Protein backbone atom coordinates (compact mmCIF):
# COMPACT_ATOMS: atom_id res chain seq x y z
CA MET A 1 -2.53 -54.70 -28.83
CA LYS A 2 -4.61 -57.85 -28.39
CA GLY A 3 -5.76 -59.92 -31.33
CA PRO A 4 -9.18 -61.59 -31.60
CA GLU A 5 -8.08 -64.60 -29.57
CA GLY A 6 -6.34 -62.56 -26.85
CA LYS A 7 -2.88 -63.15 -28.35
CA ARG A 8 -0.52 -60.22 -28.44
CA THR A 9 -0.15 -58.88 -31.97
CA LYS A 10 2.15 -56.25 -33.40
CA THR A 11 1.64 -54.20 -36.51
CA LYS A 12 5.33 -53.75 -37.16
CA ASN A 13 7.87 -54.73 -34.55
CA LEU A 14 11.49 -54.69 -35.52
CA GLY A 15 12.59 -54.89 -31.89
CA GLY A 16 14.18 -52.10 -29.91
CA ALA A 17 12.41 -48.81 -29.38
CA SER A 18 8.82 -48.51 -30.46
CA ALA A 19 7.40 -45.46 -32.18
CA GLN A 20 3.62 -45.35 -32.32
CA VAL A 21 1.40 -43.33 -34.59
CA GLU A 22 -1.91 -42.59 -32.95
CA ASN A 23 -4.71 -40.12 -33.66
CA SER A 24 -3.33 -37.66 -31.08
CA SER A 25 0.06 -37.42 -32.81
CA LEU A 26 -1.33 -36.93 -36.29
CA GLN A 27 -2.36 -33.54 -37.51
CA LYS A 28 -4.92 -32.55 -40.07
CA THR A 29 -3.27 -31.12 -43.16
CA PRO A 30 -3.26 -27.39 -42.35
CA ALA A 31 -4.88 -24.86 -44.61
CA SER A 32 -2.51 -22.66 -46.57
CA GLU A 33 -2.63 -18.87 -46.35
CA ASP A 34 -4.87 -18.63 -49.41
CA GLY A 35 -7.47 -20.83 -47.68
CA GLY A 36 -6.68 -23.99 -49.65
CA GLU A 37 -5.17 -27.22 -48.39
CA THR A 38 -1.41 -27.63 -48.48
CA LEU A 39 -0.05 -30.39 -50.67
CA SER A 40 -0.27 -33.82 -49.10
CA SER A 41 2.55 -36.28 -48.97
CA TYR A 42 2.27 -39.84 -50.16
CA TRP A 43 3.86 -42.80 -48.42
CA LEU A 44 4.94 -46.39 -48.74
CA MET A 45 4.83 -48.36 -45.49
CA LYS A 46 6.34 -51.83 -45.21
CA SER A 47 5.10 -54.71 -43.09
CA GLU A 48 5.80 -58.44 -42.98
CA PRO A 49 2.85 -60.62 -44.05
CA GLU A 50 4.41 -63.94 -43.01
CA SER A 51 5.00 -65.21 -39.48
CA ARG A 52 8.39 -64.48 -37.96
CA LEU A 53 9.17 -64.49 -34.26
CA GLU A 54 11.30 -61.74 -32.82
CA LYS A 55 11.97 -61.83 -29.08
CA GLY A 56 9.07 -64.25 -28.74
CA VAL A 57 6.58 -62.00 -30.56
CA ASP A 58 5.14 -62.82 -33.98
CA VAL A 59 5.74 -59.70 -36.10
CA LYS A 60 3.38 -60.84 -38.91
CA PHE A 61 0.99 -58.13 -40.10
CA SER A 62 -0.51 -58.17 -43.59
CA ILE A 63 -3.01 -56.00 -45.44
CA GLU A 64 -5.60 -58.64 -44.57
CA ASP A 65 -4.74 -58.23 -40.87
CA LEU A 66 -5.29 -54.48 -41.18
CA GLN A 67 -8.60 -55.06 -42.95
CA ALA A 68 -9.69 -57.32 -40.06
CA GLN A 69 -8.91 -54.73 -37.32
CA PRO A 70 -11.76 -52.91 -35.55
CA ARG A 71 -12.72 -49.95 -37.74
CA GLN A 72 -9.95 -51.25 -40.05
CA THR A 73 -7.56 -48.98 -38.12
CA THR A 74 -4.47 -49.66 -36.00
CA CYS A 75 -1.24 -48.07 -34.78
CA TRP A 76 2.07 -48.54 -36.60
CA ASP A 77 4.82 -49.40 -34.16
CA GLY A 78 8.25 -50.95 -33.84
CA VAL A 79 10.00 -48.51 -36.18
CA ARG A 80 13.65 -48.17 -35.14
CA ASN A 81 15.28 -46.21 -37.94
CA TYR A 82 15.41 -42.50 -37.04
CA GLN A 83 14.54 -41.35 -40.58
CA ALA A 84 11.52 -43.69 -40.74
CA ARG A 85 10.39 -42.45 -37.29
CA ASN A 86 10.74 -38.86 -38.48
CA PHE A 87 8.61 -39.70 -41.50
CA LEU A 88 5.96 -41.12 -39.15
CA ARG A 89 5.99 -37.85 -37.22
CA ALA A 90 5.72 -35.85 -40.45
CA MET A 91 2.61 -37.71 -41.60
CA ARG A 92 -0.70 -35.91 -41.60
CA LEU A 93 -4.07 -37.47 -40.96
CA ASP A 94 -5.71 -38.93 -44.08
CA GLU A 95 -2.62 -38.81 -46.30
CA GLU A 96 -2.49 -41.84 -48.58
CA ALA A 97 0.00 -44.68 -48.36
CA PHE A 98 0.71 -47.95 -50.12
CA PHE A 99 0.76 -51.03 -47.90
CA TYR A 100 3.89 -52.92 -48.95
CA HIS A 101 4.46 -56.60 -48.10
CA SER A 102 8.13 -57.03 -47.24
CA ASN A 103 10.46 -59.87 -46.20
CA CYS A 104 8.26 -62.52 -47.82
CA ARG A 105 8.25 -64.88 -50.82
CA GLU A 106 6.96 -62.16 -53.18
CA PRO A 107 7.38 -58.61 -51.86
CA GLY A 108 5.23 -55.88 -53.35
CA ILE A 109 2.37 -53.43 -52.96
CA ALA A 110 -0.77 -55.12 -51.66
CA GLY A 111 -3.15 -52.28 -50.88
CA LEU A 112 -3.94 -48.69 -50.04
CA MET A 113 -4.36 -47.14 -46.63
CA LYS A 114 -4.71 -43.72 -45.06
CA VAL A 115 -2.36 -42.44 -42.44
CA ASP A 116 -3.91 -43.14 -39.06
CA VAL A 117 -3.25 -46.37 -40.26
CA GLN A 118 -6.63 -47.19 -41.81
CA PHE A 119 -7.42 -49.72 -44.53
CA VAL A 120 -8.78 -48.15 -47.74
CA ARG A 121 -8.84 -51.05 -50.20
CA MET A 122 -6.87 -53.91 -51.68
CA MET A 123 -5.03 -53.15 -54.90
CA ARG A 124 -6.92 -54.39 -57.95
CA ARG A 125 -3.88 -56.57 -58.49
CA PHE A 126 -0.74 -57.20 -56.44
CA ILE A 127 2.18 -55.16 -57.80
CA PRO A 128 5.34 -57.20 -57.19
CA LEU A 129 8.73 -55.74 -56.40
CA ALA A 130 10.16 -57.23 -59.61
CA GLU A 131 7.70 -55.23 -61.71
CA LEU A 132 8.44 -52.02 -59.78
CA ARG A 133 12.18 -52.65 -60.18
CA ALA A 134 11.79 -53.08 -63.96
CA HIS A 135 9.99 -49.72 -64.17
CA HIS A 136 12.63 -48.13 -61.92
CA GLU A 137 15.46 -49.34 -64.17
CA ALA A 138 13.64 -48.15 -67.31
CA HIS A 139 12.90 -44.77 -65.70
CA LYS A 140 16.53 -44.32 -64.62
CA ALA A 141 17.48 -44.57 -68.29
CA SER A 142 14.57 -42.58 -69.75
CA GLY A 143 13.65 -40.18 -66.93
CA GLY A 144 10.31 -41.54 -65.67
CA PRO A 145 8.61 -41.04 -62.28
CA LEU A 146 10.25 -44.00 -60.50
CA LYS A 147 13.84 -43.00 -61.36
CA ASN A 148 14.65 -41.86 -57.79
CA MET A 149 12.12 -43.90 -55.82
CA ALA A 150 13.27 -44.53 -52.23
CA LEU A 151 12.21 -48.19 -52.46
CA PHE A 152 15.36 -48.67 -54.57
CA THR A 153 17.64 -45.93 -53.26
CA ARG A 154 16.89 -46.41 -49.52
CA GLN A 155 15.68 -50.05 -49.47
CA ARG A 156 15.98 -50.56 -45.70
CA LEU A 157 13.52 -47.81 -44.71
CA SER A 158 10.20 -49.22 -43.51
CA VAL A 159 8.41 -45.88 -44.01
CA GLN A 160 9.15 -43.93 -47.18
CA ARG A 161 7.87 -40.68 -48.64
CA LEU A 162 6.65 -40.83 -52.26
CA THR A 163 6.19 -38.02 -54.73
CA ARG A 164 2.74 -37.53 -56.23
CA GLU A 165 4.18 -38.69 -59.57
CA GLU A 166 5.50 -41.93 -58.04
CA PHE A 167 2.21 -42.54 -56.22
CA ASP A 168 0.07 -41.88 -59.32
CA PHE A 169 2.30 -43.99 -61.58
CA ILE A 170 2.18 -46.98 -59.21
CA LEU A 171 -1.58 -46.59 -58.80
CA SER A 172 -1.94 -46.66 -62.60
CA LEU A 173 -0.13 -50.02 -62.73
CA GLU A 174 -3.06 -51.82 -61.11
CA GLU A 175 -5.09 -51.16 -64.28
CA LYS A 176 -2.40 -52.62 -66.58
CA GLU A 177 -1.33 -56.17 -67.30
CA PRO A 178 1.81 -57.16 -65.39
CA SER A 179 4.97 -56.42 -67.36
């Protein structure tokens, strides 16, 4: 992919094999037998918002970079982990995902996107990892929606499936004061 100044840019390059998600590999969510839509999945997708060279390529890609792309859409590549690649293959067109800034000074959820990878909007406020972790710890003790969230149980995965309850709870945090 070429950036605005002709420089090579990567959306997510962790080196090694590259798995790309493009329109042709994504499927519309199929209709169920009763004519309704099947349940969608929700996702959390990590990217690095700060410059870091890997094999001579800057792997920086932030929510602002996605917003600046033509049609605010791009491919998601450079995923090496087999489980994360399988999640990419399981995604359906237009499912919702959080855009998570990783490997930076303050990691956390920066925005919303749809699978295809298309920008939807910035979060009303940045939701830092520390705040999510505090809710996760509280929910482990009391049984809330983040008790088993993959962000804390499978930290290394760059693409993670979320339950509707996890997605809705995190989305509700943008309306609340930081804890």
